[in-house]
Amino acid sequence: MLKLTRLNNHTVAINPDHISWADTTPDTTLALIGGEKIIVRETLDDLIRLVIEFRQAIRSNPFEGERAEAFVGDPPRVTTPPRRRESDAPPRLGSLSPRSEGR
């Protein structure tokens, strides 16, 4: 998330993946993919720098370097599919039913 400042000095956090385009006329205007527009105090160059820093932080490997920092938040959930019971298995092709064995 990017922490930006609205014109009324309130801080807003914007997901950079939701920014459709940005314009400076003269204030920096962000158009979000949902159609909402937000005017912020940061310059267009500052916004671009923040987005680049955000992308680099997302793509960086936390285990590189001398010190690996712990992840913040819940660990990812790994689920295993439920085991199939024999009764759930589809019938085999070409299998004979008990009635047709004697014929």
N, C-alpha and C. Protein backbone atom coordinates (compact mmCIF):
# COMPACT_ATOMS: atom_id res chain seq x y z
N MET A 1 0.85 -1.18 0.00
CA MET A 1 0.00 0.00 0.00
C MET A 1 0.89 1.24 0.00
N LEU A 2 0.41 2.27 -0.65
CA LEU A 2 1.11 3.55 -0.68
C LEU A 2 0.41 4.50 0.29
N LYS A 3 1.19 5.14 1.17
CA LYS A 3 0.62 6.15 2.06
C LYS A 3 0.77 7.49 1.37
N LEU A 4 -0.35 8.08 1.01
CA LEU A 4 -0.38 9.37 0.32
C LEU A 4 -1.16 10.37 1.15
N THR A 5 -1.05 11.65 0.81
CA THR A 5 -1.70 12.71 1.56
C THR A 5 -2.72 13.43 0.68
N ARG A 6 -3.96 13.46 1.14
CA ARG A 6 -4.99 14.21 0.42
C ARG A 6 -4.75 15.71 0.60
N LEU A 7 -5.45 16.52 -0.15
CA LEU A 7 -5.28 17.97 -0.04
C LEU A 7 -5.65 18.52 1.33
N ASN A 8 -6.55 17.82 2.05
CA ASN A 8 -6.94 18.27 3.38
C ASN A 8 -6.00 17.72 4.47
N ASN A 9 -4.82 17.22 4.06
CA ASN A 9 -3.78 16.68 4.94
C ASN A 9 -4.14 15.37 5.63
N HIS A 10 -5.20 14.70 5.21
CA HIS A 10 -5.51 13.38 5.72
C HIS A 10 -4.71 12.34 4.94
N THR A 11 -4.19 11.36 5.66
CA THR A 11 -3.41 10.30 5.03
C THR A 11 -4.36 9.23 4.50
N VAL A 12 -4.06 8.73 3.32
CA VAL A 12 -4.85 7.68 2.70
C VAL A 12 -3.88 6.61 2.20
N ALA A 13 -4.29 5.36 2.31
CA ALA A 13 -3.48 4.24 1.82
C ALA A 13 -4.12 3.72 0.54
N ILE A 14 -3.35 3.69 -0.52
CA ILE A 14 -3.85 3.29 -1.84
C ILE A 14 -3.10 2.05 -2.30
N ASN A 15 -3.83 1.09 -2.81
CA ASN A 15 -3.21 -0.08 -3.43
C ASN A 15 -2.74 0.34 -4.82
N PRO A 16 -1.43 0.30 -5.10
CA PRO A 16 -0.96 0.77 -6.41
C PRO A 16 -1.47 -0.08 -7.57
N ASP A 17 -1.91 -1.30 -7.30
CA ASP A 17 -2.49 -2.13 -8.36
C ASP A 17 -3.84 -1.60 -8.81
N HIS A 18 -4.45 -0.74 -8.03
CA HIS A 18 -5.77 -0.19 -8.37
C HIS A 18 -5.69 1.16 -9.07
N ILE A 19 -4.48 1.68 -9.26
CA ILE A 19 -4.34 2.97 -9.94
C ILE A 19 -4.37 2.73 -11.44
N SER A 20 -5.33 3.36 -12.10
CA SER A 20 -5.47 3.24 -13.55
C SER A 20 -4.53 4.21 -14.26
N TRP A 21 -4.52 5.47 -13.80
CA TRP A 21 -3.63 6.49 -14.35
C TRP A 21 -3.48 7.61 -13.34
N ALA A 22 -2.45 8.42 -13.55
CA ALA A 22 -2.19 9.59 -12.70
C ALA A 22 -1.91 10.77 -13.60
N ASP A 23 -2.35 11.96 -13.14
CA ASP A 23 -2.21 13.17 -13.93
C ASP A 23 -1.88 14.33 -12.99
N THR A 24 -1.20 15.34 -13.50
CA THR A 24 -0.93 16.54 -12.71
C THR A 24 -1.54 17.74 -13.41
N THR A 25 -2.63 18.25 -12.86
CA THR A 25 -3.33 19.39 -13.48
C THR A 25 -3.87 20.36 -12.43
N PRO A 26 -3.22 21.16 -11.69
CA PRO A 26 -1.83 21.12 -11.29
C PRO A 26 -1.59 20.13 -10.16
N ASP A 27 -2.66 19.70 -9.44
CA ASP A 27 -2.49 18.73 -8.36
C ASP A 27 -2.45 17.32 -8.96
N THR A 28 -1.82 16.41 -8.24
CA THR A 28 -1.72 15.03 -8.72
C THR A 28 -3.05 14.34 -8.49
N THR A 29 -3.65 13.87 -9.58
CA THR A 29 -4.94 13.19 -9.54
C THR A 29 -4.73 11.73 -9.90
N LEU A 30 -5.24 10.85 -9.06
CA LEU A 30 -5.18 9.41 -9.32
C LEU A 30 -6.56 8.93 -9.73
N ALA A 31 -6.62 8.17 -10.79
CA ALA A 31 -7.87 7.53 -11.19
C ALA A 31 -7.74 6.05 -10.84
N LEU A 32 -8.66 5.57 -10.02
CA LEU A 32 -8.64 4.17 -9.62
C LEU A 32 -9.48 3.35 -10.59
N ILE A 33 -9.22 2.06 -10.66
CA ILE A 33 -9.91 1.22 -11.64
C ILE A 33 -11.42 1.14 -11.39
N GLY A 34 -11.86 1.47 -10.18
CA GLY A 34 -13.29 1.47 -9.89
C GLY A 34 -13.98 2.75 -10.34
N GLY A 35 -13.21 3.72 -10.90
CA GLY A 35 -13.80 4.96 -11.38
C GLY A 35 -13.61 6.12 -10.42
N GLU A 36 -13.20 5.86 -9.19
CA GLU A 36 -13.00 6.93 -8.21
C GLU A 36 -11.72 7.70 -8.53
N LYS A 37 -11.74 9.01 -8.30
CA LYS A 37 -10.57 9.85 -8.48
C LYS A 37 -10.17 10.44 -7.14
N ILE A 38 -8.87 10.47 -6.88
CA ILE A 38 -8.34 11.00 -5.62
C ILE A 38 -7.26 12.01 -5.96
N ILE A 39 -7.33 13.17 -5.31
CA ILE A 39 -6.30 14.21 -5.49
C ILE A 39 -5.39 14.16 -4.28
N VAL A 40 -4.06 14.09 -4.55
CA VAL A 40 -3.09 13.98 -3.47
C VAL A 40 -2.05 15.08 -3.57
N ARG A 41 -1.35 15.32 -2.47
CA ARG A 41 -0.32 16.37 -2.42
C ARG A 41 1.00 15.94 -3.06
N GLU A 42 1.30 14.66 -3.10
CA GLU A 42 2.56 14.18 -3.65
C GLU A 42 2.65 14.51 -5.14
N THR A 43 3.86 14.79 -5.59
CA THR A 43 4.06 15.07 -7.02
C THR A 43 4.00 13.76 -7.80
N LEU A 44 3.89 13.87 -9.09
CA LEU A 44 3.86 12.69 -9.94
C LEU A 44 5.17 11.92 -9.82
N ASP A 45 6.29 12.63 -9.75
CA ASP A 45 7.58 11.97 -9.59
C ASP A 45 7.67 11.22 -8.25
N ASP A 46 7.14 11.83 -7.19
CA ASP A 46 7.11 11.15 -5.89
C ASP A 46 6.25 9.89 -5.95
N LEU A 47 5.11 10.00 -6.61
CA LEU A 47 4.20 8.86 -6.75
C LEU A 47 4.89 7.71 -7.50
N ILE A 48 5.56 8.03 -8.59
CA ILE A 48 6.26 7.01 -9.37
C ILE A 48 7.35 6.36 -8.52
N ARG A 49 8.09 7.16 -7.76
CA ARG A 49 9.14 6.62 -6.90
C ARG A 49 8.55 5.68 -5.85
N LEU A 50 7.42 6.06 -5.26
CA LEU A 50 6.78 5.23 -4.25
C LEU A 50 6.28 3.91 -4.84
N VAL A 51 5.73 3.96 -6.04
CA VAL A 51 5.26 2.73 -6.69
C VAL A 51 6.44 1.80 -6.99
N ILE A 52 7.53 2.36 -7.48
CA ILE A 52 8.72 1.55 -7.78
C ILE A 52 9.26 0.92 -6.49
N GLU A 53 9.34 1.69 -5.41
CA GLU A 53 9.81 1.14 -4.13
C GLU A 53 8.88 0.04 -3.64
N PHE A 54 7.58 0.23 -3.81
CA PHE A 54 6.61 -0.78 -3.40
C PHE A 54 6.83 -2.07 -4.18
N ARG A 55 6.96 -1.95 -5.50
CA ARG A 55 7.16 -3.14 -6.35
C ARG A 55 8.47 -3.86 -6.00
N GLN A 56 9.52 -3.10 -5.74
CA GLN A 56 10.80 -3.71 -5.37
C GLN A 56 10.68 -4.44 -4.04
N ALA A 57 9.95 -3.87 -3.10
CA ALA A 57 9.78 -4.51 -1.80
C ALA A 57 8.98 -5.80 -1.93
N ILE A 58 7.98 -5.81 -2.80
CA ILE A 58 7.16 -6.99 -3.00
C ILE A 58 7.98 -8.11 -3.65
N ARG A 59 8.81 -7.75 -4.60
CA ARG A 59 9.55 -8.75 -5.37
C ARG A 59 10.86 -9.18 -4.71
N SER A 60 11.29 -8.50 -3.67
CA SER A 60 12.58 -8.83 -3.05
C SER A 60 12.46 -10.13 -2.27
N ASN A 61 13.59 -10.81 -2.14
CA ASN A 61 13.65 -12.05 -1.39
C ASN A 61 14.03 -11.72 0.05
N PRO A 62 13.16 -11.99 1.01
CA PRO A 62 13.47 -11.62 2.40
C PRO A 62 14.60 -12.45 3.00
N PHE A 63 14.98 -13.55 2.36
CA PHE A 63 16.02 -14.42 2.90
C PHE A 63 17.40 -14.08 2.36
N GLU A 64 17.52 -13.10 1.47
CA GLU A 64 18.82 -12.69 0.97
C GLU A 64 19.51 -11.81 2.00
N GLY A 65 20.81 -11.77 1.95
CA GLY A 65 21.56 -10.91 2.86
C GLY A 65 21.93 -11.63 4.14
N GLU A 66 22.49 -10.88 5.03
CA GLU A 66 22.98 -11.47 6.27
C GLU A 66 21.86 -11.78 7.26
N ARG A 67 20.80 -11.00 7.22
CA ARG A 67 19.76 -11.15 8.22
C ARG A 67 18.42 -11.38 7.55
N ALA A 68 17.78 -12.47 7.88
CA ALA A 68 16.45 -12.74 7.35
C ALA A 68 15.43 -12.31 8.39
N GLU A 69 14.55 -11.40 8.00
CA GLU A 69 13.54 -10.92 8.94
C GLU A 69 12.30 -11.79 8.84
N ALA A 70 11.60 -11.91 9.93
CA ALA A 70 10.40 -12.73 9.98
C ALA A 70 9.29 -12.08 9.18
N PHE A 71 8.43 -12.91 8.61
CA PHE A 71 7.26 -12.40 7.91
C PHE A 71 6.27 -11.86 8.92
N VAL A 72 5.54 -10.85 8.53
CA VAL A 72 4.53 -10.26 9.39
C VAL A 72 3.18 -10.80 8.95
N GLY A 73 2.37 -11.24 9.89
CA GLY A 73 1.04 -11.70 9.57
C GLY A 73 0.92 -13.21 9.68
N ASP A 74 -0.20 -13.73 9.24
CA ASP A 74 -0.47 -15.15 9.32
C ASP A 74 0.35 -15.91 8.29
N PRO A 75 0.79 -17.11 8.64
CA PRO A 75 1.48 -17.93 7.64
C PRO A 75 0.50 -18.39 6.58
N PRO A 76 0.98 -18.71 5.38
CA PRO A 76 0.06 -19.18 4.35
C PRO A 76 -0.55 -20.52 4.75
N ARG A 77 -1.78 -20.71 4.37
CA ARG A 77 -2.47 -21.95 4.71
C ARG A 77 -2.24 -22.96 3.59
N VAL A 78 -1.82 -24.12 3.98
CA VAL A 78 -1.62 -25.21 3.02
C VAL A 78 -2.67 -26.25 3.31
N THR A 79 -3.50 -26.49 2.35
CA THR A 79 -4.55 -27.47 2.54
C THR A 79 -4.29 -28.66 1.63
N THR A 80 -4.61 -29.82 2.13
CA THR A 80 -4.50 -31.02 1.31
C THR A 80 -5.91 -31.44 0.93
N PRO A 81 -6.07 -31.94 -0.28
CA PRO A 81 -7.41 -32.36 -0.67
C PRO A 81 -7.85 -33.56 0.16
N PRO A 82 -9.14 -33.71 0.41
CA PRO A 82 -9.60 -34.85 1.21
C PRO A 82 -9.30 -36.16 0.48
N ARG A 83 -9.00 -37.19 1.26
CA ARG A 83 -8.71 -38.49 0.67
C ARG A 83 -9.98 -39.08 0.09
N ARG A 84 -9.83 -39.71 -1.05
CA ARG A 84 -10.99 -40.35 -1.68
C ARG A 84 -11.25 -41.70 -1.04
N ARG A 85 -12.48 -41.96 -0.79
CA ARG A 85 -12.87 -43.27 -0.31
C ARG A 85 -13.13 -44.16 -1.51
N GLU A 86 -13.08 -45.45 -1.30
CA GLU A 86 -13.30 -46.36 -2.42
C GLU A 86 -14.68 -46.18 -3.02
N SER A 87 -15.65 -45.81 -2.18
CA SER A 87 -17.01 -45.60 -2.67
C SER A 87 -17.10 -44.36 -3.55
N ASP A 88 -16.13 -43.42 -3.42
CA ASP A 88 -16.13 -42.21 -4.22
C ASP A 88 -15.48 -42.42 -5.59
N ALA A 89 -14.79 -43.53 -5.75
CA ALA A 89 -14.07 -43.77 -7.00
C ALA A 89 -15.05 -44.02 -8.14
N PRO A 90 -14.76 -43.51 -9.33
CA PRO A 90 -15.64 -43.76 -10.46
C PRO A 90 -15.56 -45.23 -10.86
N PRO A 91 -16.63 -45.77 -11.44
CA PRO A 91 -16.59 -47.18 -11.85
C PRO A 91 -15.56 -47.39 -12.95
N ARG A 92 -14.92 -48.54 -12.92
CA ARG A 92 -13.93 -48.87 -13.95
C ARG A 92 -14.62 -49.26 -15.24
N LEU A 93 -14.02 -48.87 -16.32
CA LEU A 93 -14.56 -49.26 -17.62
C LEU A 93 -14.32 -50.74 -17.84
N GLY A 94 -15.32 -51.40 -18.37
CA GLY A 94 -15.17 -52.82 -18.68
C GLY A 94 -15.37 -53.73 -17.49
N SER A 95 -15.72 -53.20 -16.34
CA SER A 95 -15.93 -54.08 -15.20
C SER A 95 -17.28 -54.76 -15.34
N LEU A 96 -17.33 -55.97 -14.89
CA LEU A 96 -18.54 -56.76 -15.01
C LEU A 96 -19.35 -56.64 -13.74
N SER A 97 -20.62 -56.53 -13.88
CA SER A 97 -21.48 -56.50 -12.71
C SER A 97 -21.64 -57.94 -12.23
N PRO A 98 -21.99 -58.17 -10.95
CA PRO A 98 -22.14 -59.52 -10.43
C PRO A 98 -23.18 -60.33 -11.18
N ARG A 99 -24.20 -59.68 -11.73
CA ARG A 99 -25.26 -60.42 -12.44
C ARG A 99 -24.76 -60.96 -13.78
N SER A 100 -23.85 -60.24 -14.44
CA SER A 100 -23.43 -60.67 -15.78
C SER A 100 -22.30 -61.68 -15.74
N GLU A 101 -21.74 -62.00 -14.55
CA GLU A 101 -20.62 -62.93 -14.47
C GLU A 101 -21.04 -64.35 -14.81
N GLY A 102 -22.24 -64.74 -14.45
CA GLY A 102 -22.69 -66.12 -14.67
C GLY A 102 -23.17 -66.35 -16.08
N ARG A 103 -23.40 -65.36 -16.84
CA ARG A 103 -23.99 -65.55 -18.18
C ARG A 103 -22.97 -65.83 -19.21
